[in-house]
Amino acid sequence: MAHIRVIKKQIEKMINNLVFIKYFLFTLSLINSIAVWSMDSSYFLPPEITRQILCHCSHNDGHKGKDIFKTVKTVISINSVCKNFQELLDNNVITTLFDQYDNTLKNELIIKIIFCKEQSVIANGISPTFYQSKRRLVSVLLYSGAELKDAGALAYSALKYDDVELIKFLHDEKKINLYQVHGWQKIPIFFYASSIKMVELFEKKGITLDSTSVDDSYPNVLWNAVTCNHIPVEVVGYYFEKNISAEPRSSGWSLLHTLARNGYANKDVDNMLNKVQLLFKKQPASVNFLTKDKNTPLDYALYSLYCNSLLDLNDRTSAEKMVTFLEENGEKKSEELLPQPAKDGDECVLF
């Protein structure tokens, strides 16, 4: 124990001089790495000493705005050096690191991180290219006491990328309202869950799955799940098992109409067609079902393909596959079902 006390005194002296911290961290990580490699626990420093060192790794160079960002990067660097550091870099250590910065600075930095270089974050969420790096930065600040006035963009992205851990933290610790609306569609944010595991988390947290939306295009969570490309067919099936209403909208649109209309926007063709198959099974009456405007799902699939051509989109695969799949399964155009006047008609009632 004597050599431990000597090491501790030396460390405490070094802590008073921030110039040596980076060098010591490198040495400490090297020692820990050797210990892992050799499986000899005698190489490890006591956890309480390592925590004390980590708590003194914040930056204080006189410019708070730059210092807080440097500290965030330091935390991420420490976290990636060694697995032992990940366990020791707990919420208490992180909070201590950021105590010297006020919450206004933390809040401003979070907004900059989330929206930096991405103009469409509100509508589309954080892009997959930047999500993991931004998520780590934002998480550090949130754990240290920062608040998000509008957590919509972050929560939407976490749902889109099935980040159950972050959603749980935002709900439990930051008391985020999962019923809040997001984007121009004005639908509850929990509608965007992209896995059964996430939906089950919502159920445990008391979320009412059959809650309705003010947007008639997406009256409940099932309609949004059918439409959204990133939500897999398994989640749609789970909502059917929970008896979420699949009744046609006031316009007469069925779920199949909605999915067919959005055919051009689906990048995951297999997932889209699997949803069509599920709807054939769960709602056989929707086949050749006419809306109030007298249009069938195939009419809308053809219109989707037309929009694809009109917008000069390079990839017509999803829209073409939708049309072909519907035709192969007995779907017809409205002109084949309704009496037609004795004159040349357009290809589709919608055109």
Protein backbone atom coordinates (compact mmCIF):
# COMPACT_ATOMS: atom_id res chain seq x y z
CA MET A 1 0.00 0.00 0.00
CA ALA A 2 2.96 2.32 0.58
CA HIS A 3 3.75 2.58 -3.12
CA ILE A 4 0.09 3.38 -3.82
CA ARG A 5 0.21 6.30 -1.37
CA VAL A 6 3.38 7.59 -3.03
CA ILE A 7 1.79 7.36 -6.48
CA LYS A 8 -1.33 9.13 -5.21
CA LYS A 9 0.71 12.05 -3.81
CA GLN A 10 2.62 12.37 -7.05
CA ILE A 11 -0.62 12.35 -9.01
CA GLU A 12 -2.17 15.04 -6.80
CA LYS A 13 0.87 17.24 -7.45
CA MET A 14 0.62 16.65 -11.19
CA ILE A 15 -3.09 17.49 -11.18
CA ASN A 16 -2.21 21.00 -10.01
CA ASN A 17 -0.33 21.48 -13.25
CA LEU A 18 -2.66 20.91 -16.22
CA VAL A 19 0.32 20.81 -18.60
CA PHE A 20 1.11 17.26 -17.47
CA ILE A 21 -2.43 15.87 -17.58
CA LYS A 22 -2.37 14.83 -21.24
CA TYR A 23 0.97 13.12 -20.82
CA PHE A 24 -0.23 11.35 -17.70
CA LEU A 25 -3.42 10.20 -19.43
CA PHE A 26 -1.34 8.71 -22.18
CA THR A 27 0.82 6.86 -19.63
CA LEU A 28 -2.25 5.75 -17.70
CA SER A 29 -3.92 4.41 -20.83
CA LEU A 30 -0.71 2.59 -21.74
CA ILE A 31 -0.56 0.98 -18.29
CA ASN A 32 -4.18 -0.09 -18.50
CA SER A 33 -3.70 -1.44 -22.01
CA ILE A 34 -0.73 -3.53 -20.86
CA ALA A 35 -2.83 -4.80 -17.97
CA VAL A 36 -5.58 -5.91 -20.28
CA TRP A 37 -3.08 -7.59 -22.57
CA SER A 38 -1.25 -9.36 -19.75
CA MET A 39 -4.36 -10.05 -17.65
CA ASP A 40 -2.40 -8.96 -14.57
CA SER A 41 -4.50 -6.72 -12.31
CA SER A 42 -1.39 -5.49 -10.48
CA TYR A 43 -0.85 -2.98 -13.30
CA PHE A 44 -4.11 -1.16 -12.58
CA LEU A 45 -4.27 1.99 -10.54
CA PRO A 46 -7.11 2.10 -7.98
CA PRO A 47 -10.37 3.32 -9.60
CA GLU A 48 -10.80 6.16 -7.10
CA ILE A 49 -7.44 7.62 -8.10
CA THR A 50 -8.22 7.35 -11.81
CA ARG A 51 -11.59 9.08 -11.23
CA GLN A 52 -9.82 11.95 -9.44
CA ILE A 53 -7.53 12.37 -12.43
CA LEU A 54 -10.40 12.32 -14.92
CA CYS A 55 -12.30 14.93 -12.90
CA HIS A 56 -9.45 17.40 -13.52
CA CYS A 57 -9.35 17.06 -17.30
CA SER A 58 -11.56 20.03 -18.11
CA HIS A 59 -10.14 23.06 -19.95
CA ASN A 60 -9.91 26.53 -18.48
CA ASP A 61 -7.86 28.69 -20.82
CA GLY A 62 -9.89 31.88 -20.33
CA HIS A 63 -12.34 31.53 -23.23
CA LYS A 64 -15.39 29.67 -21.92
CA GLY A 65 -16.93 29.09 -25.35
CA LYS A 66 -13.80 27.36 -26.66
CA ASP A 67 -12.96 25.71 -23.34
CA ILE A 68 -16.26 23.84 -23.10
CA PHE A 69 -15.90 22.47 -26.62
CA LYS A 70 -12.33 21.34 -25.86
CA THR A 71 -13.57 19.58 -22.74
CA VAL A 72 -16.26 17.76 -24.71
CA LYS A 73 -13.61 16.51 -27.15
CA THR A 74 -11.36 15.48 -24.25
CA VAL A 75 -14.15 13.43 -22.69
CA ILE A 76 -14.77 11.64 -25.98
CA SER A 77 -11.04 11.00 -26.40
CA ILE A 78 -10.73 9.59 -22.88
CA ASN A 79 -13.78 7.41 -23.48
CA SER A 80 -12.18 5.89 -26.56
CA VAL A 81 -8.73 5.26 -25.05
CA CYS A 82 -9.51 2.25 -22.88
CA LYS A 83 -12.54 0.20 -21.82
CA ASN A 84 -11.60 0.75 -18.17
CA PHE A 85 -12.01 4.49 -18.67
CA GLN A 86 -15.52 4.01 -20.07
CA GLU A 87 -16.61 2.49 -16.75
CA LEU A 88 -14.90 5.16 -14.65
CA LEU A 89 -16.15 8.07 -16.75
CA ASP A 90 -19.57 7.94 -15.12
CA ASN A 91 -22.20 10.66 -14.74
CA ASN A 92 -20.62 12.03 -11.55
CA VAL A 93 -17.22 12.47 -13.21
CA ILE A 94 -18.77 14.10 -16.30
CA THR A 95 -20.83 16.45 -14.13
CA THR A 96 -17.69 17.47 -12.24
CA LEU A 97 -15.85 18.15 -15.50
CA PHE A 98 -18.53 20.56 -16.69
CA ASP A 99 -19.38 22.23 -13.36
CA GLN A 100 -17.33 25.30 -14.23
CA TYR A 101 -19.46 26.02 -17.32
CA ASP A 102 -22.95 27.45 -16.94
CA ASN A 103 -25.96 25.78 -18.54
CA THR A 104 -26.41 28.62 -21.02
CA LEU A 105 -23.09 27.69 -22.65
CA LYS A 106 -24.01 24.01 -22.61
CA ASN A 107 -27.42 24.64 -24.13
CA GLU A 108 -25.98 26.83 -26.89
CA LEU A 109 -23.34 24.23 -27.71
CA ILE A 110 -25.97 21.48 -28.02
CA ILE A 111 -27.94 23.53 -30.54
CA LYS A 112 -24.77 24.21 -32.57
CA ILE A 113 -23.81 20.54 -32.54
CA ILE A 114 -27.23 19.30 -33.63
CA PHE A 115 -27.79 21.79 -36.44
CA CYS A 116 -24.22 22.52 -37.58
CA LYS A 117 -23.82 21.99 -41.37
CA GLU A 118 -27.28 20.41 -41.65
CA GLN A 119 -30.12 22.65 -42.74
CA SER A 120 -32.76 19.91 -42.96
CA VAL A 121 -32.41 18.47 -39.45
CA ILE A 122 -35.91 19.50 -38.36
CA ALA A 123 -37.57 17.77 -41.30
CA ASN A 124 -35.28 14.78 -41.82
CA GLY A 125 -33.40 14.37 -38.55
CA ILE A 126 -29.64 14.21 -38.18
CA SER A 127 -28.07 12.47 -41.17
CA PRO A 128 -26.64 8.97 -40.56
CA THR A 129 -23.20 10.32 -41.48
CA PHE A 130 -23.09 12.62 -38.45
CA TYR A 131 -25.50 10.96 -36.02
CA GLN A 132 -23.07 8.88 -33.94
CA SER A 133 -20.52 11.67 -33.49
CA LYS A 134 -23.19 14.25 -32.66
CA ARG A 135 -24.96 11.82 -30.36
CA ARG A 136 -21.80 11.32 -28.28
CA LEU A 137 -21.20 15.06 -27.97
CA VAL A 138 -24.78 15.87 -27.05
CA SER A 139 -25.00 13.00 -24.57
CA VAL A 140 -21.96 14.29 -22.69
CA LEU A 141 -23.56 17.72 -22.33
CA LEU A 142 -26.97 16.34 -21.34
CA TYR A 143 -25.41 14.16 -18.64
CA SER A 144 -23.65 17.24 -17.29
CA GLY A 145 -26.93 19.10 -16.75
CA ALA A 146 -27.66 20.81 -20.08
CA GLU A 147 -31.26 21.10 -21.23
CA LEU A 148 -32.92 20.97 -24.63
CA LYS A 149 -35.74 23.45 -25.10
CA ASP A 150 -36.85 21.60 -28.20
CA ALA A 151 -35.69 18.00 -28.19
CA GLY A 152 -37.71 17.13 -31.28
CA ALA A 153 -34.85 16.91 -33.79
CA LEU A 154 -32.66 14.84 -31.47
CA ALA A 155 -35.50 12.52 -30.38
CA TYR A 156 -36.69 12.05 -33.96
CA SER A 157 -33.18 11.05 -35.01
CA ALA A 158 -32.84 8.67 -32.04
CA LEU A 159 -36.12 7.01 -33.05
CA LYS A 160 -35.12 6.86 -36.70
CA TYR A 161 -31.84 5.11 -35.84
CA ASP A 162 -33.46 2.98 -33.10
CA ASP A 163 -31.35 4.47 -30.30
CA VAL A 164 -33.29 2.95 -27.39
CA GLU A 165 -30.71 4.01 -24.80
CA LEU A 166 -30.90 7.69 -25.71
CA ILE A 167 -34.71 7.73 -25.87
CA LYS A 168 -34.85 6.10 -22.43
CA PHE A 169 -32.47 8.74 -21.06
CA LEU A 170 -34.40 11.61 -22.67
CA HIS A 171 -37.66 10.30 -21.24
CA ASP A 172 -36.46 9.33 -17.77
CA GLU A 173 -33.90 12.02 -17.02
CA LYS A 174 -34.90 14.93 -19.26
CA LYS A 175 -38.65 14.31 -19.09
CA ILE A 176 -39.11 14.70 -22.82
CA ASN A 177 -42.74 14.64 -23.93
CA LEU A 178 -43.04 11.81 -26.46
CA TYR A 179 -46.49 13.06 -27.43
CA GLN A 180 -45.04 16.35 -28.71
CA VAL A 181 -45.49 16.92 -32.43
CA HIS A 182 -42.53 17.04 -34.78
CA GLY A 183 -42.12 18.58 -38.22
CA TRP A 184 -44.72 19.87 -40.62
CA GLN A 185 -46.83 16.72 -40.32
CA LYS A 186 -47.86 17.62 -36.76
CA ILE A 187 -47.88 14.06 -35.47
CA PRO A 188 -46.65 12.75 -32.07
CA ILE A 189 -42.97 11.98 -32.08
CA PHE A 190 -43.45 8.44 -30.75
CA PHE A 191 -45.08 7.58 -34.10
CA TYR A 192 -41.54 7.23 -35.54
CA ALA A 193 -40.46 4.18 -33.50
CA SER A 194 -38.50 1.90 -35.82
CA SER A 195 -38.36 -1.36 -33.84
CA ILE A 196 -40.61 -3.49 -31.69
CA LYS A 197 -38.13 -3.03 -28.84
CA MET A 198 -38.66 0.73 -29.01
CA VAL A 199 -42.45 0.34 -29.09
CA GLU A 200 -42.29 -1.97 -26.07
CA LEU A 201 -40.26 0.70 -24.25
CA PHE A 202 -43.04 3.21 -24.97
CA GLU A 203 -45.61 0.80 -23.57
CA LYS A 204 -43.56 0.39 -20.39
CA LYS A 205 -43.39 4.18 -20.09
CA GLY A 206 -47.17 4.44 -20.31
CA ILE A 207 -47.48 5.72 -23.87
CA THR A 208 -50.94 5.09 -25.31
CA LEU A 209 -50.23 3.51 -28.68
CA ASP A 210 -53.68 4.18 -30.12
CA SER A 211 -53.41 7.94 -29.52
CA THR A 212 -54.75 9.97 -32.43
CA SER A 213 -53.10 12.71 -34.46
CA VAL A 214 -54.49 16.06 -35.60
CA ASP A 215 -53.17 15.28 -39.09
CA ASP A 216 -55.84 13.35 -41.02
CA SER A 217 -53.14 11.93 -43.30
CA TYR A 218 -51.63 10.09 -40.33
CA PRO A 219 -54.55 9.55 -37.91
CA ASN A 220 -52.61 7.13 -35.72
CA VAL A 221 -49.27 5.39 -35.31
CA LEU A 222 -50.19 2.55 -37.70
CA TRP A 223 -50.65 4.91 -40.63
CA ASN A 224 -47.28 6.51 -40.08
CA ALA A 225 -45.58 3.12 -39.73
CA VAL A 226 -47.02 1.98 -43.06
CA THR A 227 -45.84 5.15 -44.80
CA CYS A 228 -42.35 5.65 -43.32
CA ASN A 229 -39.62 3.89 -45.26
CA HIS A 230 -37.37 3.38 -42.22
CA ILE A 231 -40.04 1.59 -40.16
CA PRO A 232 -39.89 -2.18 -40.84
CA VAL A 233 -42.90 -4.36 -41.60
CA GLU A 234 -42.50 -6.13 -38.24
CA VAL A 235 -43.50 -2.93 -36.44
CA VAL A 236 -46.58 -2.57 -38.67
CA GLY A 237 -47.53 -6.15 -37.81
CA TYR A 238 -47.06 -5.42 -34.11
CA TYR A 239 -49.51 -2.50 -34.32
CA PHE A 240 -52.06 -4.77 -35.99
CA GLU A 241 -51.62 -7.21 -33.08
CA LYS A 242 -52.32 -4.32 -30.70
CA ASN A 243 -55.56 -3.62 -32.59
CA ILE A 244 -54.58 -0.10 -33.62
CA SER A 245 -57.36 1.23 -35.85
CA ALA A 246 -56.89 0.59 -39.56
CA GLU A 247 -60.21 2.08 -40.61
CA PRO A 248 -60.16 4.19 -43.83
CA ARG A 249 -59.67 7.92 -43.44
CA SER A 250 -62.47 10.43 -43.94
CA SER A 251 -61.40 10.75 -47.60
CA GLY A 252 -61.92 7.02 -48.09
CA TRP A 253 -58.20 6.32 -48.29
CA SER A 254 -57.14 2.94 -46.98
CA LEU A 255 -53.68 2.03 -45.69
CA LEU A 256 -52.99 0.45 -49.07
CA HIS A 257 -53.85 3.72 -50.87
CA THR A 258 -51.40 5.57 -48.64
CA LEU A 259 -48.58 3.08 -49.18
CA ALA A 260 -49.18 2.95 -52.96
CA ARG A 261 -49.17 6.76 -53.19
CA ASN A 262 -45.78 6.92 -51.47
CA GLY A 263 -44.21 4.22 -53.62
CA TYR A 264 -41.76 6.60 -55.27
CA ALA A 265 -40.30 7.60 -51.90
CA ASN A 266 -39.43 4.10 -50.66
CA LYS A 267 -35.76 3.19 -50.87
CA ASP A 268 -36.21 -0.19 -49.17
CA VAL A 269 -38.23 -1.96 -51.85
CA ASP A 270 -38.41 -5.31 -50.03
CA ASN A 271 -39.75 -3.66 -46.88
CA MET A 272 -42.33 -1.77 -48.95
CA LEU A 273 -43.58 -4.88 -50.74
CA ASN A 274 -43.66 -6.83 -47.47
CA LYS A 275 -45.96 -4.14 -46.10
CA VAL A 276 -48.21 -4.53 -49.16
CA GLN A 277 -48.39 -8.29 -48.56
CA LEU A 278 -49.26 -7.71 -44.91
CA LEU A 279 -52.05 -5.32 -45.87
CA PHE A 280 -53.43 -7.86 -48.38
CA LYS A 281 -53.58 -10.34 -45.50
CA LYS A 282 -54.93 -8.01 -42.81
CA GLN A 283 -57.25 -5.95 -45.02
CA PRO A 284 -58.33 -8.03 -48.02
CA ALA A 285 -61.26 -5.63 -48.56
CA SER A 286 -58.80 -2.85 -49.44
CA VAL A 287 -58.00 -4.58 -52.74
CA ASN A 288 -59.62 -2.43 -55.46
CA PHE A 289 -61.18 -0.30 -52.73
CA LEU A 290 -62.41 3.05 -54.11
CA THR A 291 -61.87 6.34 -52.32
CA LYS A 292 -64.52 9.05 -52.31
CA ASP A 293 -62.77 10.42 -55.40
CA LYS A 294 -63.18 6.99 -57.04
CA ASN A 295 -59.52 5.99 -57.12
CA THR A 296 -58.00 2.58 -56.38
CA PRO A 297 -54.61 1.82 -54.82
CA LEU A 298 -53.31 1.05 -58.32
CA ASP A 299 -54.41 4.50 -59.51
CA TYR A 300 -52.28 6.03 -56.81
CA ALA A 301 -49.34 3.74 -57.56
CA LEU A 302 -49.48 4.85 -61.21
CA TYR A 303 -49.69 8.46 -60.09
CA SER A 304 -46.63 7.89 -57.89
CA LEU A 305 -44.76 6.53 -60.90
CA TYR A 306 -45.87 9.56 -62.91
CA CYS A 307 -44.57 11.90 -60.18
CA ASN A 308 -41.29 10.01 -60.24
CA SER A 309 -40.96 10.72 -63.98
CA LEU A 310 -42.11 14.30 -63.60
CA LEU A 311 -39.51 15.00 -60.92
CA ASP A 312 -36.88 13.34 -63.12
CA LEU A 313 -35.80 11.03 -60.29
CA ASN A 314 -33.07 8.65 -61.36
CA ASP A 315 -34.32 5.65 -59.39
CA ARG A 316 -37.78 4.54 -60.48
CA THR A 317 -37.39 1.07 -58.99
CA SER A 318 -39.69 1.38 -55.98
CA ALA A 319 -42.54 3.03 -57.92
CA GLU A 320 -42.28 0.51 -60.76
CA LYS A 321 -42.12 -2.44 -58.35
CA MET A 322 -45.21 -1.17 -56.55
CA VAL A 323 -47.24 -0.96 -59.78
CA THR A 324 -46.10 -4.40 -60.95
CA PHE A 325 -46.76 -6.02 -57.58
CA LEU A 326 -50.27 -4.58 -57.32
CA GLU A 327 -51.14 -5.64 -60.86
CA GLU A 328 -49.86 -9.17 -60.25
CA ASN A 329 -52.07 -9.43 -57.17
CA GLY A 330 -55.30 -8.44 -58.84
CA GLU A 331 -55.36 -4.68 -58.35
CA LYS A 332 -57.18 -2.74 -61.06
CA LYS A 333 -57.46 0.84 -62.20
CA SER A 334 -60.69 2.63 -61.40
CA GLU A 335 -61.59 2.84 -65.11
CA GLU A 336 -61.73 -0.95 -65.13
CA LEU A 337 -64.22 -0.97 -62.27
CA LEU A 338 -66.44 2.02 -63.10
CA PRO A 339 -68.70 2.61 -66.11
CA GLN A 340 -66.82 4.75 -68.63
CA PRO A 341 -68.24 7.35 -71.03
CA ALA A 342 -68.04 6.49 -74.72
CA LYS A 343 -64.90 8.50 -75.37
CA ASP A 344 -61.17 8.13 -75.04
CA GLY A 345 -60.20 8.42 -71.41
CA ASP A 346 -56.93 9.13 -69.73
CA GLU A 347 -54.81 6.27 -68.46
CA CYS A 348 -55.79 7.05 -64.88
CA VAL A 349 -58.61 9.03 -63.27
CA LEU A 350 -55.99 10.99 -61.33
CA PHE A 351 -54.40 12.45 -64.49
